[in-house]
């Protein structure tokens, strides 16, 4: 990590850098107190500034950390060090007309679980358009050449689901292993993966199911795959109840596979297609219902996981957490 140079210098740097760009970023006031490392393990980052988030996705680009998250028009925050965050300008100023073609019941502007990645010279921002309790959903794509400039271009529909589909097209997450793939899915028949065209960044094959569980009362959703480079792929997913403040039971579980398309198994050898999943993070201390996770590469080249939790010290507000992640004996740990 780069050294933090002090608030006044950072704000000055932001003022100089951002004054010439066209995405109208603005520094926000501090929303919560910084969360100290003693609140969790020593691998946790001390987070402060504008810390509200839900389903964060983070990338380091143009000398800054950028976070995209569930919000009206897709929320954006930025940081020089990944620890002190500032509010940016949402991606969409208004809803594209094509959304209503595939999700006609969508009447609000709240866009779920965006995923940011860089591939083939462009930043790819996948996102979900849906309504609660329905699998009439779709995933869209925005692209730009510079997040700082904000030269976003709407690339339209990527994949959709209808009431007769096995899956639910929300919670997209990009992964690359020499070939681009996208994971997606929530409830219904769980988590799926589909291969993408490297030119269009849209599916060029049928989707494959890679995780499922008994959904009579609890969910599996919000998946992402970590291509560790050690011979294994690690599939992380959010289990159980989300979005209920301090009553949430969300937790992060995982399995691994030597193939990106599975089969994925947990530490006990149980397939994630049969409800398996080793717990990585669950409610502890002030962090209630951790989930909506993403894996990202830090400025120094290490790997970290970001997720949201409901802060029991702050009225159950959805709050950002970041923790360094590694593998021990071939299994992920903080």
Protein backbone atom coordinates (compact mmCIF):
# COMPACT_ATOMS: atom_id res chain seq x y z
CA UNK A 1 0.00 0.00 0.00
CA UNK A 2 1.10 3.57 -0.64
CA UNK A 3 1.63 5.74 2.39
CA UNK A 4 -1.22 8.01 3.42
CA UNK A 5 0.09 11.57 3.07
CA UNK A 6 -2.40 13.30 5.35
CA UNK A 7 -5.91 14.64 4.77
CA UNK A 8 -4.95 18.10 3.51
CA UNK A 9 -2.51 16.79 0.90
CA UNK A 10 -4.94 14.12 -0.28
CA UNK A 11 -7.78 16.62 -0.68
CA UNK A 12 -5.46 18.98 -2.53
CA UNK A 13 -4.41 16.17 -4.86
CA UNK A 14 -8.05 15.28 -5.52
CA UNK A 15 -8.86 18.92 -6.28
CA UNK A 16 -6.03 19.15 -8.83
CA UNK A 17 -6.65 15.78 -10.49
CA UNK A 18 -10.43 15.91 -10.58
CA UNK A 19 -10.81 19.51 -11.70
CA UNK A 20 -10.01 18.51 -15.28
CA UNK A 21 -12.30 15.49 -15.56
CA UNK A 22 -15.92 15.39 -16.66
CA UNK A 23 -17.57 13.04 -14.19
CA UNK A 24 -18.18 15.73 -11.56
CA UNK A 25 -16.85 13.87 -8.54
CA UNK A 26 -17.36 15.70 -5.28
CA UNK A 27 -15.85 15.14 -1.85
CA UNK A 28 -18.46 14.03 0.65
CA UNK A 29 -18.50 14.61 4.37
CA UNK A 30 -17.45 11.85 6.75
CA UNK A 31 -20.42 9.56 7.37
CA UNK A 32 -19.06 7.36 10.15
CA UNK A 33 -16.05 7.11 12.39
CA UNK A 34 -13.08 5.09 11.19
CA UNK A 35 -13.22 1.40 12.03
CA UNK A 36 -10.02 0.39 13.79
CA UNK A 37 -8.07 -2.79 13.12
CA UNK A 38 -8.78 -3.98 16.65
CA UNK A 39 -12.44 -4.42 15.66
CA UNK A 40 -11.55 -7.54 13.68
CA UNK A 41 -8.37 -9.37 12.73
CA UNK A 42 -5.09 -7.62 11.94
CA UNK A 43 -5.71 -8.25 8.24
CA UNK A 44 -8.62 -5.79 8.26
CA UNK A 45 -8.17 -2.36 6.73
CA UNK A 46 -9.06 0.69 8.81
CA UNK A 47 -11.97 2.19 6.87
CA UNK A 48 -13.21 5.77 7.22
CA UNK A 49 -14.86 8.63 5.36
CA UNK A 50 -17.90 7.78 3.24
CA UNK A 51 -18.27 4.17 4.35
CA UNK A 52 -21.85 3.31 3.40
CA UNK A 53 -22.00 0.60 0.75
CA UNK A 54 -23.91 -2.47 -0.40
CA UNK A 55 -22.43 -5.12 -2.75
CA UNK A 56 -19.11 -3.31 -3.27
CA UNK A 57 -16.89 -3.92 -6.29
CA UNK A 58 -13.43 -2.32 -6.22
CA UNK A 59 -10.66 -1.72 -8.73
CA UNK A 60 -7.40 0.24 -8.59
CA UNK A 61 -7.09 2.49 -11.66
CA UNK A 62 -5.76 5.94 -12.58
CA UNK A 63 -3.94 6.11 -9.25
CA UNK A 64 -7.11 5.70 -7.22
CA UNK A 65 -9.28 2.96 -5.76
CA UNK A 66 -12.78 3.04 -7.25
CA UNK A 67 -15.78 1.38 -5.65
CA UNK A 68 -19.08 0.72 -7.41
CA UNK A 69 -22.06 -0.39 -5.33
CA UNK A 70 -25.82 -0.96 -5.25
CA UNK A 71 -27.58 2.44 -5.38
CA UNK A 72 -29.71 4.62 -7.61
CA UNK A 73 -27.92 4.83 -10.95
CA UNK A 74 -25.00 2.73 -9.56
CA UNK A 75 -23.12 4.38 -6.71
CA UNK A 76 -19.46 5.39 -6.98
CA UNK A 77 -16.85 6.15 -4.32
CA UNK A 78 -13.10 6.72 -4.62
CA UNK A 79 -10.02 6.66 -2.39
CA UNK A 80 -6.30 7.33 -2.65
CA UNK A 81 -5.37 4.54 -0.23
CA UNK A 82 -8.39 2.23 -0.06
CA UNK A 83 -9.05 3.30 3.52
CA UNK A 84 -10.53 6.82 3.43
CA UNK A 85 -13.40 6.99 0.95
CA UNK A 86 -15.14 9.90 -0.77
CA UNK A 87 -18.47 10.07 -2.55
CA UNK A 88 -18.45 10.27 -6.34
CA UNK A 89 -21.15 10.78 -8.97
CA UNK A 90 -23.47 7.90 -9.92
CA UNK A 91 -22.87 6.24 -13.29
CA UNK A 92 -26.38 6.68 -14.74
CA UNK A 93 -28.09 10.06 -14.68
CA UNK A 94 -31.31 8.42 -15.90
CA UNK A 95 -32.53 4.95 -16.76
CA UNK A 96 -31.89 3.69 -20.32
CA UNK A 97 -35.16 2.97 -22.11
CA UNK A 98 -34.19 -0.64 -22.89
CA UNK A 99 -34.35 -1.66 -19.20
CA UNK A 100 -38.15 -1.62 -19.24
CA UNK A 101 -38.20 -3.97 -22.25
CA UNK A 102 -36.75 -6.80 -20.16
CA UNK A 103 -37.91 -5.83 -16.66
CA UNK A 104 -41.21 -4.01 -17.21
CA UNK A 105 -42.11 -4.06 -13.49
CA UNK A 106 -38.98 -2.06 -12.56
CA UNK A 107 -40.21 1.34 -11.41
CA UNK A 108 -37.32 2.53 -9.26
CA UNK A 109 -33.75 3.52 -10.20
CA UNK A 110 -31.95 1.22 -7.74
CA UNK A 111 -29.38 -0.85 -9.64
CA UNK A 112 -27.97 -3.93 -7.94
CA UNK A 113 -24.55 -5.49 -7.47
CA UNK A 114 -22.34 -3.82 -10.10
CA UNK A 115 -19.04 -5.47 -10.99
CA UNK A 116 -16.01 -3.57 -12.30
CA UNK A 117 -13.10 -5.15 -14.19
CA UNK A 118 -10.47 -4.27 -16.79
CA UNK A 119 -10.05 -6.31 -19.96
CA UNK A 120 -8.89 -5.63 -23.54
CA UNK A 121 -8.17 -1.97 -22.90
CA UNK A 122 -11.55 -1.15 -21.39
CA UNK A 123 -13.19 -1.01 -17.98
CA UNK A 124 -16.25 -3.22 -17.94
CA UNK A 125 -19.06 -2.47 -15.52
CA UNK A 126 -21.68 -5.21 -15.34
CA UNK A 127 -24.84 -4.55 -13.32
CA UNK A 128 -28.27 -5.99 -12.48
CA UNK A 129 -31.76 -4.72 -13.24
CA UNK A 130 -34.43 -6.57 -11.26
CA UNK A 131 -37.14 -6.42 -8.62
CA UNK A 132 -37.30 -8.23 -5.28
CA UNK A 133 -38.63 -11.79 -5.38
CA UNK A 134 -38.64 -12.08 -9.17
CA UNK A 135 -36.32 -13.68 -11.71
CA UNK A 136 -37.56 -11.42 -14.48
CA UNK A 137 -34.14 -9.80 -14.51
CA UNK A 138 -31.31 -8.75 -16.76
CA UNK A 139 -27.62 -7.90 -16.67
CA UNK A 140 -26.33 -4.89 -18.56
CA UNK A 141 -22.87 -3.59 -19.45
CA UNK A 142 -21.24 -0.16 -19.42
CA UNK A 143 -17.71 0.38 -20.78
CA UNK A 144 -15.18 3.20 -20.57
CA UNK A 145 -11.52 3.81 -21.36
CA UNK A 146 -10.93 5.79 -18.13
CA UNK A 147 -12.93 5.73 -14.91
CA UNK A 148 -11.43 9.09 -14.01
CA UNK A 149 -12.71 10.65 -17.24
CA UNK A 150 -16.02 8.83 -16.93
CA UNK A 151 -16.42 8.25 -20.68
CA UNK A 152 -19.01 5.53 -20.17
CA UNK A 153 -20.74 3.91 -23.15
CA UNK A 154 -23.91 1.85 -22.77
CA UNK A 155 -23.40 -1.59 -24.37
CA UNK A 156 -26.93 -2.75 -23.56
CA UNK A 157 -28.19 -6.19 -22.62
CA UNK A 158 -25.75 -8.98 -21.72
CA UNK A 159 -28.08 -11.76 -20.55
CA UNK A 160 -31.65 -11.96 -19.26
CA UNK A 161 -33.92 -14.33 -17.34
CA UNK A 162 -37.70 -14.69 -17.47
CA UNK A 163 -40.26 -16.24 -15.15
CA UNK A 164 -39.67 -19.58 -16.91
CA UNK A 165 -35.85 -19.47 -16.55
CA UNK A 166 -34.00 -21.79 -14.20
CA UNK A 167 -31.74 -18.99 -13.03
CA UNK A 168 -31.98 -15.35 -12.01
CA UNK A 169 -29.81 -12.92 -13.98
CA UNK A 170 -28.45 -10.72 -11.21
CA UNK A 171 -25.15 -10.42 -9.28
CA UNK A 172 -22.70 -10.55 -12.21
CA UNK A 173 -18.97 -11.04 -11.62
CA UNK A 174 -16.23 -11.15 -14.27
CA UNK A 175 -13.38 -13.69 -14.13
CA UNK A 176 -10.57 -14.37 -16.59
CA UNK A 177 -8.40 -17.45 -17.09
CA UNK A 178 -7.22 -16.83 -20.65
CA UNK A 179 -10.89 -16.77 -21.61
CA UNK A 180 -13.42 -14.27 -20.18
CA UNK A 181 -16.30 -15.63 -18.08
CA UNK A 182 -19.18 -14.17 -16.10
CA UNK A 183 -20.77 -15.67 -13.00
CA UNK A 184 -24.30 -14.72 -11.99
CA UNK A 185 -27.34 -15.98 -10.10
CA UNK A 186 -29.43 -15.65 -6.98
CA UNK A 187 -31.93 -18.06 -5.35
CA UNK A 188 -33.79 -20.16 -7.97
CA UNK A 189 -31.20 -22.68 -9.29
CA UNK A 190 -28.27 -20.95 -7.64
CA UNK A 191 -25.02 -19.79 -9.24
CA UNK A 192 -24.16 -20.08 -12.93
CA UNK A 193 -21.18 -19.30 -15.15
CA UNK A 194 -21.11 -18.40 -18.84
CA UNK A 195 -18.25 -17.90 -21.28
CA UNK A 196 -18.01 -14.48 -22.93
CA UNK A 197 -16.92 -13.29 -26.34
CA UNK A 198 -13.66 -11.38 -25.94
CA UNK A 199 -14.90 -8.80 -28.47
CA UNK A 200 -18.47 -8.15 -27.29
CA UNK A 201 -18.03 -9.19 -23.62
CA UNK A 202 -21.36 -10.98 -23.93
CA UNK A 203 -22.13 -14.72 -23.78
CA UNK A 204 -21.12 -16.95 -26.69
CA UNK A 205 -22.08 -20.27 -25.05
CA UNK A 206 -24.82 -21.60 -22.79
CA UNK A 207 -24.53 -21.04 -19.05
CA UNK A 208 -23.44 -23.85 -16.67
CA UNK A 209 -24.67 -24.28 -13.09
CA UNK A 210 -21.84 -24.34 -10.51
CA UNK A 211 -23.51 -23.93 -7.08
CA UNK A 212 -26.90 -24.56 -5.51
CA UNK A 213 -28.59 -25.31 -2.18
CA UNK A 214 -31.99 -26.00 -0.65
CA UNK A 215 -33.66 -22.62 -1.09
CA UNK A 216 -36.77 -23.30 0.99
CA UNK A 217 -35.72 -20.54 3.39
CA UNK A 218 -32.19 -19.39 2.62
CA UNK A 219 -30.33 -17.95 -0.34
CA UNK A 220 -27.15 -18.47 -2.27
CA UNK A 221 -26.19 -15.42 -4.34
CA UNK A 222 -23.58 -12.74 -4.98
CA UNK A 223 -20.90 -15.12 -6.24
CA UNK A 224 -17.40 -14.29 -7.43
CA UNK A 225 -14.45 -16.46 -8.49
CA UNK A 226 -10.84 -15.86 -7.47
CA UNK A 227 -8.35 -17.12 -10.06
CA UNK A 228 -5.52 -17.55 -7.54
CA UNK A 229 -2.96 -18.84 -10.02
CA UNK A 230 -2.07 -21.80 -7.80
CA UNK A 231 -3.97 -24.43 -9.76
CA UNK A 232 -7.30 -23.73 -8.08
CA UNK A 233 -10.26 -21.46 -8.67
CA UNK A 234 -12.11 -20.32 -5.55
CA UNK A 235 -15.84 -19.69 -5.72
CA UNK A 236 -17.18 -17.37 -3.01
CA UNK A 237 -20.90 -16.82 -2.45
CA UNK A 238 -23.18 -15.08 0.03
CA UNK A 239 -25.47 -17.45 1.93
CA UNK A 240 -28.70 -16.86 3.90
CA UNK A 241 -30.61 -13.64 4.63
CA UNK A 242 -29.56 -10.24 3.32
CA UNK A 243 -30.85 -6.72 3.60
CA UNK A 244 -32.44 -6.84 7.06
CA UNK A 245 -30.04 -4.66 9.03
CA UNK A 246 -28.84 -6.29 12.22
CA UNK A 247 -31.37 -9.11 11.67
CA UNK A 248 -29.43 -10.19 8.58
CA UNK A 249 -27.84 -13.65 8.63
CA UNK A 250 -25.68 -13.25 5.52
CA UNK A 251 -22.33 -15.07 5.58
CA UNK A 252 -19.58 -15.71 3.03
CA UNK A 253 -18.74 -19.30 2.07
CA UNK A 254 -16.47 -20.87 -0.52
CA UNK A 255 -15.36 -23.95 -2.39
CA UNK A 256 -12.54 -24.67 -4.84
CA UNK A 257 -12.05 -26.41 -8.17
CA UNK A 258 -9.25 -27.11 -10.63
CA UNK A 259 -11.59 -26.08 -13.43
CA UNK A 260 -13.26 -22.69 -13.69
CA UNK A 261 -16.56 -24.40 -14.50
CA UNK A 262 -16.36 -26.78 -11.52
CA UNK A 263 -17.08 -28.99 -9.77
CA UNK A 264 -16.44 -26.84 -6.67
CA UNK A 265 -16.13 -28.55 -3.29
CA UNK A 266 -15.66 -27.25 0.24
CA UNK A 267 -13.09 -28.33 2.84
CA UNK A 268 -15.21 -31.35 3.73
CA UNK A 269 -15.41 -32.45 0.11
CA UNK A 270 -19.09 -31.48 -0.24
CA UNK A 271 -20.02 -30.14 -3.67
CA UNK A 272 -21.34 -26.59 -3.83
CA UNK A 273 -24.01 -28.02 -6.14
CA UNK A 274 -25.23 -30.00 -3.12
CA UNK A 275 -25.31 -27.12 -0.64
CA UNK A 276 -21.65 -27.26 0.35
CA UNK A 277 -19.59 -24.25 1.35
CA UNK A 278 -16.93 -23.57 3.99
CA UNK A 279 -17.60 -20.43 6.04
CA UNK A 280 -15.07 -17.62 5.50
CA UNK A 281 -16.89 -14.78 7.30
CA UNK A 282 -20.01 -14.63 9.47
CA UNK A 283 -21.48 -12.23 12.02
CA UNK A 284 -18.93 -11.20 14.63
CA UNK A 285 -18.76 -8.17 16.90
CA UNK A 286 -20.13 -5.10 15.15
CA UNK A 287 -20.08 -6.82 11.75
CA UNK A 288 -23.50 -8.40 11.24
CA UNK A 289 -24.38 -10.31 8.08
CA UNK A 290 -21.20 -9.93 5.98
CA UNK A 291 -21.71 -10.56 2.26
CA UNK A 292 -21.88 -9.08 -1.23
CA UNK A 293 -18.15 -9.73 -1.53
CA UNK A 294 -15.61 -9.05 -4.28
CA UNK A 295 -11.94 -9.87 -4.79
CA UNK A 296 -9.58 -7.16 -6.04
CA UNK A 297 -5.87 -6.46 -6.54
CA UNK A 298 -4.38 -3.71 -4.38
CA UNK A 299 -2.01 -0.95 -5.49
CA UNK A 300 0.91 -3.04 -4.22
CA UNK A 301 -0.21 -6.14 -6.11
CA UNK A 302 -1.58 -8.11 -3.16
CA UNK A 303 -5.14 -9.46 -3.00
CA UNK A 304 -7.99 -8.27 -0.80
CA UNK A 305 -11.68 -8.95 -0.33
CA UNK A 306 -14.26 -6.19 0.10
CA UNK A 307 -17.77 -6.82 1.42
CA UNK A 308 -20.59 -5.04 3.21
CA UNK A 309 -21.89 -5.72 6.69
CA UNK A 310 -24.57 -4.21 8.91
CA UNK A 311 -22.93 -2.16 11.63
CA UNK A 312 -24.43 -2.92 15.05
CA UNK A 313 -22.63 0.18 16.40
CA UNK A 314 -24.30 2.42 13.77
CA UNK A 315 -28.00 1.52 13.63
CA UNK A 316 -27.41 -1.41 11.28
CA UNK A 317 -26.05 0.77 8.45
CA UNK A 318 -24.60 -1.17 5.50
CA UNK A 319 -20.87 -0.52 5.80
CA UNK A 320 -17.71 -1.28 3.85
CA UNK A 321 -15.13 -3.76 5.11
CA UNK A 322 -11.87 -4.73 3.39
CA UNK A 323 -9.60 -7.57 4.47
CA UNK A 324 -6.40 -9.00 3.00
CA UNK A 325 -6.92 -12.53 1.76
CA UNK A 326 -4.51 -15.38 1.11
CA UNK A 327 -4.46 -19.16 0.90
CA UNK A 328 -3.06 -21.52 3.52
CA UNK A 329 -2.58 -25.17 2.51
CA UNK A 330 -4.63 -24.41 -0.61
CA UNK A 331 -7.63 -22.84 1.15
CA UNK A 332 -8.58 -19.14 1.49
CA UNK A 333 -8.26 -17.30 4.78
CA UNK A 334 -7.92 -13.75 6.07
